[in-house]
All heavy atoms as atom14 arrays in JSON, in Angstrom:
{
  "sequence": "ERTPDGTTVWFRNIARGKRSLKLNLKDPAGVELLLKLAETADVFVE",
  "atom14_mask": [
    [1, 1, 1, 1, 1, 1, 1, 1, 1, 0, 0, 0, 0, 0],
    [1, 1, 1, 1, 1, 1, 1, 1, 1, 1, 1, 0, 0, 0],
    [1, 1, 1, 1, 1, 1, 1, 0, 0, 0, 0, 0, 0, 0],
    [1, 1, 1, 1, 1, 1, 1, 0, 0, 0, 0, 0, 0, 0],
    [1, 1, 1, 1, 1, 1, 1, 1, 0, 0, 0, 0, 0, 0],
    [1, 1, 1, 1, 0, 0, 0, 0, 0, 0, 0, 0, 0, 0],
    [1, 1, 1, 1, 1, 1, 1, 0, 0, 0, 0, 0, 0, 0],
    [1, 1, 1, 1, 1, 1, 1, 0, 0, 0, 0, 0, 0, 0],
    [1, 1, 1, 1, 1, 1, 1, 0, 0, 0, 0, 0, 0, 0],
    [1, 1, 1, 1, 1, 1, 1, 1, 1, 1, 1, 1, 1, 1],
    [1, 1, 1, 1, 1, 1, 1, 1, 1, 1, 1, 0, 0, 0],
    [1, 1, 1, 1, 1, 1, 1, 1, 1, 1, 1, 0, 0, 0],
    [1, 1, 1, 1, 1, 1, 1, 1, 0, 0, 0, 0, 0, 0],
    [1, 1, 1, 1, 1, 1, 1, 1, 0, 0, 0, 0, 0, 0],
    [1, 1, 1, 1, 1, 0, 0, 0, 0, 0, 0, 0, 0, 0],
    [1, 1, 1, 1, 1, 1, 1, 1, 1, 1, 1, 0, 0, 0],
    [1, 1, 1, 1, 0, 0, 0, 0, 0, 0, 0, 0, 0, 0],
    [1, 1, 1, 1, 1, 1, 1, 1, 1, 0, 0, 0, 0, 0],
    [1, 1, 1, 1, 1, 1, 1, 1, 1, 1, 1, 0, 0, 0],
    [1, 1, 1, 1, 1, 1, 0, 0, 0, 0, 0, 0, 0, 0],
    [1, 1, 1, 1, 1, 1, 1, 1, 0, 0, 0, 0, 0, 0],
    [1, 1, 1, 1, 1, 1, 1, 1, 1, 0, 0, 0, 0, 0],
    [1, 1, 1, 1, 1, 1, 1, 1, 0, 0, 0, 0, 0, 0],
    [1, 1, 1, 1, 1, 1, 1, 1, 0, 0, 0, 0, 0, 0],
    [1, 1, 1, 1, 1, 1, 1, 1, 0, 0, 0, 0, 0, 0],
    [1, 1, 1, 1, 1, 1, 1, 1, 1, 0, 0, 0, 0, 0],
    [1, 1, 1, 1, 1, 1, 1, 1, 0, 0, 0, 0, 0, 0],
    [1, 1, 1, 1, 1, 1, 1, 0, 0, 0, 0, 0, 0, 0],
    [1, 1, 1, 1, 1, 0, 0, 0, 0, 0, 0, 0, 0, 0],
    [1, 1, 1, 1, 0, 0, 0, 0, 0, 0, 0, 0, 0, 0],
    [1, 1, 1, 1, 1, 1, 1, 0, 0, 0, 0, 0, 0, 0],
    [1, 1, 1, 1, 1, 1, 1, 1, 1, 0, 0, 0, 0, 0],
    [1, 1, 1, 1, 1, 1, 1, 1, 0, 0, 0, 0, 0, 0],
    [1, 1, 1, 1, 1, 1, 1, 1, 0, 0, 0, 0, 0, 0],
    [1, 1, 1, 1, 1, 1, 1, 1, 0, 0, 0, 0, 0, 0],
    [1, 1, 1, 1, 1, 1, 1, 1, 1, 0, 0, 0, 0, 0],
    [1, 1, 1, 1, 1, 1, 1, 1, 0, 0, 0, 0, 0, 0],
    [1, 1, 1, 1, 1, 0, 0, 0, 0, 0, 0, 0, 0, 0],
    [1, 1, 1, 1, 1, 1, 1, 1, 1, 0, 0, 0, 0, 0],
    [1, 1, 1, 1, 1, 1, 1, 0, 0, 0, 0, 0, 0, 0],
    [1, 1, 1, 1, 1, 0, 0, 0, 0, 0, 0, 0, 0, 0],
    [1, 1, 1, 1, 1, 1, 1, 1, 0, 0, 0, 0, 0, 0],
    [1, 1, 1, 1, 1, 1, 1, 0, 0, 0, 0, 0, 0, 0],
    [1, 1, 1, 1, 1, 1, 1, 1, 1, 1, 1, 0, 0, 0],
    [1, 1, 1, 1, 1, 1, 1, 0, 0, 0, 0, 0, 0, 0],
    [1, 1, 1, 1, 1, 1, 1, 1, 1, 0, 0, 0, 0, 0]
  ],
  "atom14_positions": [
    [[-70.89, -62.86, -0.93], [-71.0, -62.31, -2.29], [-70.8, -60.8, -2.29], [-71.13, -60.11, -1.34], [-72.37, -62.64, -2.88], [-72.55, -64.11, -3.22], [-72.85, -64.98, -2.02], [-73.05, -64.42, -0.91], [-72.88, -66.21, -2.17], [0.0, 0.0, 0.0], [0.0, 0.0, 0.0], [0.0, 0.0, 0.0], [0.0, 0.0, 0.0], [0.0, 0.0, 0.0]],
    [[-70.31, -60.32, -3.43], [-70.02, -58.89, -3.59], [-70.92, -58.27, -4.65], [-71.34, -58.95, -5.59], [-68.56, -58.67, -3.98], [-67.57, -59.14, -2.93], [-66.13, -58.99, -3.42], [-65.18, -59.5, -2.45], [-64.65, -58.77, -1.46], [-64.98, -57.48, -1.34], [-63.81, -59.31, -0.61], [0.0, 0.0, 0.0], [0.0, 0.0, 0.0], [0.0, 0.0, 0.0]],
    [[-71.19, -57.0, -4.51], [-71.87, -56.23, -5.53], [-70.83, -55.78, -6.55], [-69.62, -55.9, -6.31], [-72.59, -55.02, -4.9], [-71.67, -54.3, -4.08], [-73.76, -55.48, -4.03], [0.0, 0.0, 0.0], [0.0, 0.0, 0.0], [0.0, 0.0, 0.0], [0.0, 0.0, 0.0], [0.0, 0.0, 0.0], [0.0, 0.0, 0.0], [0.0, 0.0, 0.0]],
    [[-71.25, -55.29, -7.73], [-70.27, -54.95, -8.77], [-69.18, -53.97, -8.34], [-68.08, -53.99, -8.9], [-71.15, -54.34, -9.87], [-72.46, -55.05, -9.72], [-72.64, -55.21, -8.23], [0.0, 0.0, 0.0], [0.0, 0.0, 0.0], [0.0, 0.0, 0.0], [0.0, 0.0, 0.0], [0.0, 0.0, 0.0], [0.0, 0.0, 0.0], [0.0, 0.0, 0.0]],
    [[-69.45, -53.15, -7.32], [-68.42, -52.2, -6.88], [-67.39, -52.84, -5.96], [-66.47, -52.18, -5.47], [-69.05, -50.99, -6.19], [-69.78, -51.35, -4.91], [-69.84, -52.54, -4.57], [-70.31, -50.43, -4.25], [0.0, 0.0, 0.0], [0.0, 0.0, 0.0], [0.0, 0.0, 0.0], [0.0, 0.0, 0.0], [0.0, 0.0, 0.0], [0.0, 0.0, 0.0]],
    [[-67.54, -54.14, -5.68], [-66.56, -54.85, -4.86], [-66.91, -54.97, -3.4], [-66.19, -55.62, -2.64], [0.0, 0.0, 0.0], [0.0, 0.0, 0.0], [0.0, 0.0, 0.0], [0.0, 0.0, 0.0], [0.0, 0.0, 0.0], [0.0, 0.0, 0.0], [0.0, 0.0, 0.0], [0.0, 0.0, 0.0], [0.0, 0.0, 0.0], [0.0, 0.0, 0.0]],
    [[-68.0, -54.34, -2.97], [-68.41, -54.39, -1.57], [-69.22, -55.65, -1.31], [-70.05, -56.03, -2.13], [-69.27, -53.16, -1.22], [-68.56, -51.98, -1.56], [-69.63, -53.14, 0.25], [0.0, 0.0, 0.0], [0.0, 0.0, 0.0], [0.0, 0.0, 0.0], [0.0, 0.0, 0.0], [0.0, 0.0, 0.0], [0.0, 0.0, 0.0], [0.0, 0.0, 0.0]],
    [[-69.0, -56.3, -0.16], [-69.82, -57.46, 0.15], [-71.23, -57.01, 0.55], [-71.42, -55.95, 1.13], [-69.23, -58.3, 1.3], [-69.29, -57.57, 2.52], [-67.79, -58.7, 0.99], [0.0, 0.0, 0.0], [0.0, 0.0, 0.0], [0.0, 0.0, 0.0], [0.0, 0.0, 0.0], [0.0, 0.0, 0.0], [0.0, 0.0, 0.0], [0.0, 0.0, 0.0]],
    [[-72.19, -57.85, 0.22], [-73.58, -57.56, 0.56], [-73.75, -57.48, 2.08], [-74.46, -56.61, 2.59], [-74.52, -58.63, -0.02], [-75.95, -58.43, 0.47], [-74.47, -58.6, -1.55], [0.0, 0.0, 0.0], [0.0, 0.0, 0.0], [0.0, 0.0, 0.0], [0.0, 0.0, 0.0], [0.0, 0.0, 0.0], [0.0, 0.0, 0.0], [0.0, 0.0, 0.0]],
    [[-73.07, -58.35, 2.81], [-73.16, -58.34, 4.28], [-72.67, -57.0, 4.82], [-73.35, -56.36, 5.64], [-72.32, -59.49, 4.83], [-72.45, -59.73, 6.32], [-72.95, -58.88, 7.26], [-72.07, -60.92, 7.03], [-72.89, -59.45, 8.51], [-72.36, -60.71, 8.39], [-71.5, -62.13, 6.64], [-72.09, -61.67, 9.37], [-71.25, -63.09, 7.62], [-71.54, -62.86, 8.96]],
    [[-71.49, -56.56, 4.36], [-70.95, -55.29, 4.86], [-71.89, -54.13, 4.52], [-72.12, -53.25, 5.34], [-69.57, -55.04, 4.27], [-68.91, -53.79, 4.78], [-68.45, -53.71, 6.08], [-68.78, -52.67, 3.96], [-67.86, -52.55, 6.57], [-68.19, -51.51, 4.44], [-67.72, -51.45, 5.74], [0.0, 0.0, 0.0], [0.0, 0.0, 0.0], [0.0, 0.0, 0.0]],
    [[-72.43, -54.17, 3.32], [-73.33, -53.08, 2.9], [-74.53, -52.97, 3.83], [-75.07, -51.88, 4.02], [-73.8, -53.35, 1.46], [-74.69, -52.28, 0.86], [-74.96, -52.55, -0.6], [-73.72, -52.54, -1.38], [-73.07, -51.44, -1.74], [-73.55, -50.26, -1.41], [-71.96, -51.52, -2.43], [0.0, 0.0, 0.0], [0.0, 0.0, 0.0], [0.0, 0.0, 0.0]],
    [[-74.93, -54.09, 4.42], [-76.15, -54.08, 5.22], [-75.91, -54.11, 6.73], [-76.82, -54.38, 7.51], [-77.05, -55.25, 4.8], [-77.74, -54.95, 3.49], [-78.74, -54.26, 3.45], [-77.2, -55.47, 2.4], [0.0, 0.0, 0.0], [0.0, 0.0, 0.0], [0.0, 0.0, 0.0], [0.0, 0.0, 0.0], [0.0, 0.0, 0.0], [0.0, 0.0, 0.0]],
    [[-74.66, -53.78, 7.14], [-74.41, -53.51, 8.56], [-73.59, -52.23, 8.77], [-73.43, -51.78, 9.9], [-73.7, -54.69, 9.27], [-72.38, -55.08, 8.59], [-74.62, -55.89, 9.37], [-71.15, -54.45, 9.18], [0.0, 0.0, 0.0], [0.0, 0.0, 0.0], [0.0, 0.0, 0.0], [0.0, 0.0, 0.0], [0.0, 0.0, 0.0], [0.0, 0.0, 0.0]],
    [[-73.11, -51.64, 7.67], [-72.15, -50.53, 7.82], [-72.6, -49.21, 7.22], [-71.9, -48.22, 7.34], [-70.81, -50.93, 7.2], [0.0, 0.0, 0.0], [0.0, 0.0, 0.0], [0.0, 0.0, 0.0], [0.0, 0.0, 0.0], [0.0, 0.0, 0.0], [0.0, 0.0, 0.0], [0.0, 0.0, 0.0], [0.0, 0.0, 0.0], [0.0, 0.0, 0.0]],
    [[-73.77, -49.18, 6.58], [-74.15, -47.94, 5.89], [-74.29, -46.78, 6.89], [-74.72, -46.95, 8.02], [-75.45, -48.14, 5.13], [-76.66, -48.41, 5.99], [-77.94, -48.38, 5.16], [-79.09, -48.66, 5.98], [-79.91, -49.7, 5.82], [-79.7, -50.56, 4.85], [-80.93, -49.86, 6.63], [0.0, 0.0, 0.0], [0.0, 0.0, 0.0], [0.0, 0.0, 0.0]],
    [[-73.9, -45.62, 6.39], [-74.08, -44.41, 7.18], [-73.13, -44.25, 8.35], [-73.28, -43.33, 9.15], [0.0, 0.0, 0.0], [0.0, 0.0, 0.0], [0.0, 0.0, 0.0], [0.0, 0.0, 0.0], [0.0, 0.0, 0.0], [0.0, 0.0, 0.0], [0.0, 0.0, 0.0], [0.0, 0.0, 0.0], [0.0, 0.0, 0.0], [0.0, 0.0, 0.0]],
    [[-72.12, -45.12, 8.46], [-71.18, -45.04, 9.57], [-69.86, -44.41, 9.12], [-69.61, -44.25, 7.93], [-70.91, -46.44, 10.14], [-72.14, -47.16, 10.66], [-71.8, -48.55, 11.18], [-73.02, -49.3, 11.66], [-72.68, -50.66, 12.19], [0.0, 0.0, 0.0], [0.0, 0.0, 0.0], [0.0, 0.0, 0.0], [0.0, 0.0, 0.0], [0.0, 0.0, 0.0]],
    [[-69.03, -44.09, 10.09], [-67.67, -43.67, 9.79], [-66.7, -44.75, 10.27], [-67.01, -45.51, 11.17], [-67.36, -42.35, 10.49], [-68.22, -41.19, 10.01], [-67.65, -39.86, 10.45], [-67.84, -39.61, 11.88], [-67.2, -38.64, 12.56], [-66.31, -37.88, 11.95], [-67.45, -38.46, 13.84], [0.0, 0.0, 0.0], [0.0, 0.0, 0.0], [0.0, 0.0, 0.0]],
    [[-65.54, -44.82, 9.63], [-64.56, -45.85, 9.95], [-63.3, -45.24, 10.55], [-62.67, -44.36, 9.97], [-64.18, -46.64, 8.69], [-63.06, -47.48, 8.97], [0.0, 0.0, 0.0], [0.0, 0.0, 0.0], [0.0, 0.0, 0.0], [0.0, 0.0, 0.0], [0.0, 0.0, 0.0], [0.0, 0.0, 0.0], [0.0, 0.0, 0.0], [0.0, 0.0, 0.0]],
    [[-62.95, -45.75, 11.74], [-61.7, -45.37, 12.4], [-60.83, -46.61, 12.49], [-61.18, -47.59, 13.14], [-61.97, -44.83, 13.81], [-60.76, -44.67, 14.73], [-59.78, -43.63, 14.17], [-61.2, -44.31, 16.15], [0.0, 0.0, 0.0], [0.0, 0.0, 0.0], [0.0, 0.0, 0.0], [0.0, 0.0, 0.0], [0.0, 0.0, 0.0], [0.0, 0.0, 0.0]],
    [[-59.7, -46.59, 11.8], [-58.72, -47.67, 11.89], [-57.87, -47.43, 13.14], [-57.28, -46.35, 13.29], [-57.84, -47.68, 10.63], [-56.82, -48.78, 10.58], [-56.09, -48.81, 9.24], [-55.21, -47.58, 9.07], [-54.37, -47.68, 7.85], [0.0, 0.0, 0.0], [0.0, 0.0, 0.0], [0.0, 0.0, 0.0], [0.0, 0.0, 0.0], [0.0, 0.0, 0.0]],
    [[-57.8, -48.43, 14.05], [-57.15, -48.16, 15.33], [-56.48, -49.41, 15.87], [-57.09, -50.48, 15.95], [-58.19, -47.66, 16.34], [-57.66, -47.02, 17.62], [-56.82, -45.79, 17.3], [-58.82, -46.65, 18.54], [0.0, 0.0, 0.0], [0.0, 0.0, 0.0], [0.0, 0.0, 0.0], [0.0, 0.0, 0.0], [0.0, 0.0, 0.0], [0.0, 0.0, 0.0]],
    [[-55.22, -49.28, 16.27], [-54.46, -50.35, 16.91], [-54.58, -50.2, 18.42], [-53.93, -49.34, 19.02], [-53.0, -50.3, 16.47], [-52.17, -51.4, 17.11], [-52.7, -52.29, 17.78], [-50.86, -51.34, 16.91], [0.0, 0.0, 0.0], [0.0, 0.0, 0.0], [0.0, 0.0, 0.0], [0.0, 0.0, 0.0], [0.0, 0.0, 0.0], [0.0, 0.0, 0.0]],
    [[-55.39, -51.04, 19.04], [-55.59, -50.94, 20.49], [-54.51, -51.66, 21.29], [-54.58, -51.69, 22.52], [-56.97, -51.49, 20.85], [-58.15, -50.6, 20.42], [-59.47, -51.27, 20.73], [-58.07, -49.24, 21.09], [0.0, 0.0, 0.0], [0.0, 0.0, 0.0], [0.0, 0.0, 0.0], [0.0, 0.0, 0.0], [0.0, 0.0, 0.0], [0.0, 0.0, 0.0]],
    [[-53.53, -52.24, 20.6], [-52.38, -52.8, 21.31], [-51.29, -51.74, 21.5], [-50.28, -52.0, 22.16], [-51.83, -54.0, 20.55], [-52.81, -55.18, 20.52], [-52.25, -56.38, 19.81], [-53.27, -57.53, 19.83], [-52.76, -58.73, 19.13], [0.0, 0.0, 0.0], [0.0, 0.0, 0.0], [0.0, 0.0, 0.0], [0.0, 0.0, 0.0], [0.0, 0.0, 0.0]],
    [[-51.5, -50.59, 20.92], [-50.61, -49.44, 21.08], [-51.23, -48.51, 22.13], [-52.39, -48.1, 21.98], [-50.47, -48.72, 19.74], [-49.52, -47.54, 19.79], [-49.22, -47.06, 20.9], [-49.1, -47.07, 18.71], [0.0, 0.0, 0.0], [0.0, 0.0, 0.0], [0.0, 0.0, 0.0], [0.0, 0.0, 0.0], [0.0, 0.0, 0.0], [0.0, 0.0, 0.0]],
    [[-50.52, -48.17, 23.19], [-51.08, -47.27, 24.2], [-51.62, -45.97, 23.63], [-52.6, -45.41, 24.15], [-49.89, -47.02, 25.14], [-49.03, -48.24, 25.0], [-49.17, -48.64, 23.56], [0.0, 0.0, 0.0], [0.0, 0.0, 0.0], [0.0, 0.0, 0.0], [0.0, 0.0, 0.0], [0.0, 0.0, 0.0], [0.0, 0.0, 0.0], [0.0, 0.0, 0.0]],
    [[-51.0, -45.5, 22.55], [-51.49, -44.27, 21.93], [-52.87, -44.49, 21.31], [-53.72, -43.59, 21.31], [-50.5, -43.79, 20.87], [0.0, 0.0, 0.0], [0.0, 0.0, 0.0], [0.0, 0.0, 0.0], [0.0, 0.0, 0.0], [0.0, 0.0, 0.0], [0.0, 0.0, 0.0], [0.0, 0.0, 0.0], [0.0, 0.0, 0.0], [0.0, 0.0, 0.0]],
    [[-53.12, -45.7, 20.77], [-54.43, -46.02, 20.24], [-55.47, -46.11, 21.33], [-56.61, -45.64, 21.16], [0.0, 0.0, 0.0], [0.0, 0.0, 0.0], [0.0, 0.0, 0.0], [0.0, 0.0, 0.0], [0.0, 0.0, 0.0], [0.0, 0.0, 0.0], [0.0, 0.0, 0.0], [0.0, 0.0, 0.0], [0.0, 0.0, 0.0], [0.0, 0.0, 0.0]],
    [[-55.1, -46.69, 22.46], [-56.01, -46.76, 23.6], [-56.36, -45.36, 24.08], [-57.53, -45.05, 24.36], [-55.38, -47.59, 24.75], [-56.23, -47.51, 26.01], [-55.22, -49.04, 24.31], [0.0, 0.0, 0.0], [0.0, 0.0, 0.0], [0.0, 0.0, 0.0], [0.0, 0.0, 0.0], [0.0, 0.0, 0.0], [0.0, 0.0, 0.0], [0.0, 0.0, 0.0]],
    [[-55.35, -44.51, 24.19], [-55.6, -43.14, 24.65], [-56.51, -42.38, 23.69], [-57.39, -41.64, 24.12], [-54.27, -42.41, 24.83], [-54.4, -40.94, 25.25], [-55.17, -40.74, 26.56], [-55.2, -41.68, 27.39], [-55.76, -39.66, 26.74], [0.0, 0.0, 0.0], [0.0, 0.0, 0.0], [0.0, 0.0, 0.0], [0.0, 0.0, 0.0], [0.0, 0.0, 0.0]],
    [[-56.33, -42.59, 22.39], [-57.2, -41.92, 21.43], [-58.65, -42.39, 21.61], [-59.58, -41.58, 21.6], [-56.73, -42.21, 20.01], [-57.65, -41.73, 18.87], [-57.95, -40.24, 18.99], [-57.03, -42.05, 17.52], [0.0, 0.0, 0.0], [0.0, 0.0, 0.0], [0.0, 0.0, 0.0], [0.0, 0.0, 0.0], [0.0, 0.0, 0.0], [0.0, 0.0, 0.0]],
    [[-58.84, -43.7, 21.8], [-60.2, -44.2, 21.99], [-60.82, -43.63, 23.26], [-62.0, -43.24, 23.27], [-60.2, -45.73, 22.04], [-61.57, -46.39, 22.14], [-62.43, -46.06, 20.91], [-61.44, -47.9, 22.28], [0.0, 0.0, 0.0], [0.0, 0.0, 0.0], [0.0, 0.0, 0.0], [0.0, 0.0, 0.0], [0.0, 0.0, 0.0], [0.0, 0.0, 0.0]],
    [[-60.05, -43.54, 24.33], [-60.57, -42.99, 25.59], [-60.9, -41.51, 25.44], [-61.89, -41.03, 26.01], [-59.57, -43.21, 26.72], [-59.39, -44.67, 27.16], [-58.26, -44.78, 28.18], [-60.69, -45.24, 27.73], [0.0, 0.0, 0.0], [0.0, 0.0, 0.0], [0.0, 0.0, 0.0], [0.0, 0.0, 0.0], [0.0, 0.0, 0.0], [0.0, 0.0, 0.0]],
    [[-60.11, -40.79, 24.66], [-60.42, -39.37, 24.43], [-61.72, -39.24, 23.65], [-62.54, -38.35, 23.92], [-59.27, -38.69, 23.69], [-58.05, -38.42, 24.56], [-56.99, -37.65, 23.8], [-57.41, -36.2, 23.54], [-57.51, -35.42, 24.78], [0.0, 0.0, 0.0], [0.0, 0.0, 0.0], [0.0, 0.0, 0.0], [0.0, 0.0, 0.0], [0.0, 0.0, 0.0]],
    [[-61.91, -40.12, 22.65], [-63.17, -40.09, 21.9], [-64.35, -40.45, 22.81], [-65.44, -39.88, 22.68], [-63.1, -41.08, 20.74], [-62.18, -40.7, 19.58], [-61.98, -41.89, 18.64], [-62.75, -39.51, 18.82], [0.0, 0.0, 0.0], [0.0, 0.0, 0.0], [0.0, 0.0, 0.0], [0.0, 0.0, 0.0], [0.0, 0.0, 0.0], [0.0, 0.0, 0.0]],
    [[-64.12, -41.36, 23.74], [-65.19, -41.78, 24.65], [-65.62, -40.65, 25.58], [-66.74, -40.67, 26.08], [-64.74, -42.99, 25.46], [0.0, 0.0, 0.0], [0.0, 0.0, 0.0], [0.0, 0.0, 0.0], [0.0, 0.0, 0.0], [0.0, 0.0, 0.0], [0.0, 0.0, 0.0], [0.0, 0.0, 0.0], [0.0, 0.0, 0.0], [0.0, 0.0, 0.0]],
    [[-64.78, -39.69, 25.78], [-65.13, -38.57, 26.66], [-66.34, -37.8, 26.15], [-67.09, -37.22, 26.93], [-63.92, -37.63, 26.81], [-62.77, -38.24, 27.6], [-61.56, -37.33, 27.63], [-61.64, -36.2, 27.07], [-60.52, -37.73, 28.2], [0.0, 0.0, 0.0], [0.0, 0.0, 0.0], [0.0, 0.0, 0.0], [0.0, 0.0, 0.0], [0.0, 0.0, 0.0]],
    [[-66.52, -37.79, 24.85], [-67.66, -37.05, 24.27], [-68.67, -37.98, 23.62], [-69.56, -37.52, 22.91], [-67.15, -36.04, 23.23], [-66.41, -36.72, 22.22], [-66.26, -34.98, 23.88], [0.0, 0.0, 0.0], [0.0, 0.0, 0.0], [0.0, 0.0, 0.0], [0.0, 0.0, 0.0], [0.0, 0.0, 0.0], [0.0, 0.0, 0.0], [0.0, 0.0, 0.0]],
    [[-68.53, -39.28, 23.85], [-69.48, -40.23, 23.27], [-70.65, -40.46, 24.22], [-70.6, -40.17, 25.41], [-68.77, -41.56, 22.98], [0.0, 0.0, 0.0], [0.0, 0.0, 0.0], [0.0, 0.0, 0.0], [0.0, 0.0, 0.0], [0.0, 0.0, 0.0], [0.0, 0.0, 0.0], [0.0, 0.0, 0.0], [0.0, 0.0, 0.0], [0.0, 0.0, 0.0]],
    [[-71.71, -41.0, 23.65], [-72.89, -41.36, 24.44], [-72.99, -42.87, 24.66], [-73.46, -43.32, 25.7], [-74.16, -40.88, 23.72], [-74.19, -39.38, 23.55], [-74.47, -38.69, 24.54], [-73.91, -38.9, 22.43], [0.0, 0.0, 0.0], [0.0, 0.0, 0.0], [0.0, 0.0, 0.0], [0.0, 0.0, 0.0], [0.0, 0.0, 0.0], [0.0, 0.0, 0.0]],
    [[-72.57, -43.63, 23.64], [-72.71, -45.09, 23.68], [-71.4, -45.73, 23.25], [-70.74, -45.26, 22.31], [-73.86, -45.55, 22.75], [-73.97, -47.08, 22.75], [-75.18, -44.91, 23.16], [0.0, 0.0, 0.0], [0.0, 0.0, 0.0], [0.0, 0.0, 0.0], [0.0, 0.0, 0.0], [0.0, 0.0, 0.0], [0.0, 0.0, 0.0], [0.0, 0.0, 0.0]],
    [[-71.04, -46.8, 23.94], [-69.83, -47.57, 23.63], [-70.25, -49.02, 23.52], [-70.85, -49.58, 24.45], [-68.82, -47.38, 24.77], [-67.43, -47.9, 24.51], [-66.39, -47.02, 24.27], [-67.15, -49.25, 24.54], [-65.08, -47.48, 24.04], [-65.86, -49.73, 24.32], [-64.83, -48.83, 24.08], [0.0, 0.0, 0.0], [0.0, 0.0, 0.0], [0.0, 0.0, 0.0]],
    [[-69.96, -49.66, 22.38], [-70.38, -51.03, 22.13], [-69.14, -51.88, 21.85], [-68.28, -51.49, 21.05], [-71.35, -51.13, 20.93], [-71.77, -52.58, 20.7], [-72.58, -50.24, 21.15], [0.0, 0.0, 0.0], [0.0, 0.0, 0.0], [0.0, 0.0, 0.0], [0.0, 0.0, 0.0], [0.0, 0.0, 0.0], [0.0, 0.0, 0.0], [0.0, 0.0, 0.0]],
    [[-69.06, -53.04, 22.52], [-67.96, -53.96, 22.24], [-68.48, -55.38, 22.27], [-69.46, -55.68, 22.94], [-66.81, -53.77, 23.23], [-67.11, -54.1, 24.67], [-66.82, -55.55, 25.04], [-66.24, -56.28, 24.2], [-67.18, -55.95, 26.14], [0.0, 0.0, 0.0], [0.0, 0.0, 0.0], [0.0, 0.0, 0.0], [0.0, 0.0, 0.0], [0.0, 0.0, 0.0]]
  ]
}
């Protein structure tokens, strides 16, 4: 189900306060970008 603004209730209750990075990990350039971000990250979850 969605709220009047079009967002699903499920998404609203797992995604608040986060940032979104759209990334194609089948592209080597996308993999390299993720690894560069990981250089300064503390936690990596998959």
